[in-house]
Amino acid sequence: MWLFPWLSRLTIVLMAVVIGAMAWLPDSRSQFWLSLLTVAVVPAGYELRRRKGPAGAV
């Protein structure tokens, strides 16, 4: 990739800036909270699935 690893780091920083702007701006704050909720639900679902065992297990 061009400019490795600096371009990757810059991309991560810019993503953090966009997410921070979503949290800061009133118009997009609800989207920010729903995104955080989604980020919390997906790992929780994974953990429940992992504890339950493979699909179809009796």
C-alpha atoms as a PDB file:
ATOM      1  CA  MET A   1       0.000   0.000   0.000  1.00  0.00           C
ATOM      2  CA  TRP A   2       1.243   3.478  -0.717  1.00  0.00           C
ATOM      3  CA  LEU A   3       2.729   5.360   2.237  1.00  0.00           C
ATOM      4  CA  PHE A   4       2.498   2.332   4.531  1.00  0.00           C
ATOM      5  CA  PRO A   5       2.061   2.567   7.554  1.00  0.00           C
ATOM      6  CA  TRP A   6       1.371   6.318   7.697  1.00  0.00           C
ATOM      7  CA  LEU A   7      -1.626   6.298   5.397  1.00  0.00           C
ATOM      8  CA  SER A   8      -3.252   3.547   7.470  1.00  0.00           C
ATOM      9  CA  ARG A   9      -2.714   5.544  10.649  1.00  0.00           C
ATOM     10  CA  LEU A  10      -4.061   8.714   9.053  1.00  0.00           C
ATOM     11  CA  THR A  11      -7.157   6.820   7.942  1.00  0.00           C
ATOM     12  CA  ILE A  12      -7.778   5.569  11.494  1.00  0.00           C
ATOM     13  CA  VAL A  13      -7.363   9.076  12.898  1.00  0.00           C
ATOM     14  CA  LEU A  14      -9.762  10.531  10.336  1.00  0.00           C
ATOM     15  CA  MET A  15     -12.357   7.843  11.140  1.00  0.00           C
ATOM     16  CA  ALA A  16     -12.060   8.765  14.817  1.00  0.00           C
ATOM     17  CA  VAL A  17     -12.578  12.436  13.912  1.00  0.00           C
ATOM     18  CA  VAL A  18     -15.756  11.596  11.978  1.00  0.00           C
ATOM     19  CA  ILE A  19     -17.096   9.477  14.847  1.00  0.00           C
ATOM     20  CA  GLY A  20     -16.230  12.246  17.309  1.00  0.00           C
ATOM     21  CA  ALA A  21     -18.029  14.781  15.114  1.00  0.00           C
ATOM     22  CA  MET A  22     -21.084  12.523  15.084  1.00  0.00           C
ATOM     23  CA  ALA A  23     -21.071  12.506  18.890  1.00  0.00           C
ATOM     24  CA  TRP A  24     -20.589  16.275  19.051  1.00  0.00           C
ATOM     25  CA  LEU A  25     -23.094  17.496  16.435  1.00  0.00           C
ATOM     26  CA  PRO A  26     -26.720  17.462  17.600  1.00  0.00           C
ATOM     27  CA  ASP A  27     -28.109  16.432  14.189  1.00  0.00           C
ATOM     28  CA  SER A  28     -26.130  13.198  14.065  1.00  0.00           C
ATOM     29  CA  ARG A  29     -26.005  12.359  17.766  1.00  0.00           C
ATOM     30  CA  SER A  30     -28.887   9.866  17.537  1.00  0.00           C
ATOM     31  CA  GLN A  31     -27.054   8.008  14.753  1.00  0.00           C
ATOM     32  CA  PHE A  32     -23.960   7.934  16.943  1.00  0.00           C
ATOM     33  CA  TRP A  33     -25.837   6.346  19.861  1.00  0.00           C
ATOM     34  CA  LEU A  34     -27.554   3.816  17.615  1.00  0.00           C
ATOM     35  CA  SER A  35     -24.170   2.916  16.135  1.00  0.00           C
ATOM     36  CA  LEU A  36     -22.745   2.392  19.628  1.00  0.00           C
ATOM     37  CA  LEU A  37     -25.748   0.235  20.486  1.00  0.00           C
ATOM     38  CA  THR A  38     -25.104  -1.878  17.387  1.00  0.00           C
ATOM     39  CA  VAL A  39     -21.431  -2.210  18.295  1.00  0.00           C
ATOM     40  CA  ALA A  40     -22.497  -3.449  21.738  1.00  0.00           C
ATOM     41  CA  VAL A  41     -25.170  -5.882  20.488  1.00  0.00           C
ATOM     42  CA  VAL A  42     -22.986  -7.663  17.931  1.00  0.00           C
ATOM     43  CA  PRO A  43     -20.253  -8.793  20.393  1.00  0.00           C
ATOM     44  CA  ALA A  44     -22.924  -9.663  22.969  1.00  0.00           C
ATOM     45  CA  GLY A  45     -24.665 -11.866  20.403  1.00  0.00           C
ATOM     46  CA  TYR A  46     -21.363 -13.466  19.499  1.00  0.00           C
ATOM     47  CA  GLU A  47     -20.635 -14.215  23.150  1.00  0.00           C
ATOM     48  CA  LEU A  48     -24.067 -15.755  23.684  1.00  0.00           C
ATOM     49  CA  ARG A  49     -23.625 -17.874  20.571  1.00  0.00           C
ATOM     50  CA  ARG A  50     -20.171 -18.968  21.690  1.00  0.00           C
ATOM     51  CA  ARG A  51     -21.423 -20.023  25.120  1.00  0.00           C
ATOM     52  CA  LYS A  52     -24.401 -21.884  23.697  1.00  0.00           C
ATOM     53  CA  GLY A  53     -22.264 -24.066  21.458  1.00  0.00           C
ATOM     54  CA  PRO A  54     -22.419 -24.997  17.783  1.00  0.00           C
ATOM     55  CA  ALA A  55     -25.673 -24.720  15.863  1.00  0.00           C
ATOM     56  CA  GLY A  56     -27.767 -27.864  15.962  1.00  0.00           C
ATOM     57  CA  ALA A  57     -26.123 -29.170  19.132  1.00  0.00           C
ATOM     58  CA  VAL A  58     -28.457 -31.086  21.375  1.00  0.00           C
END
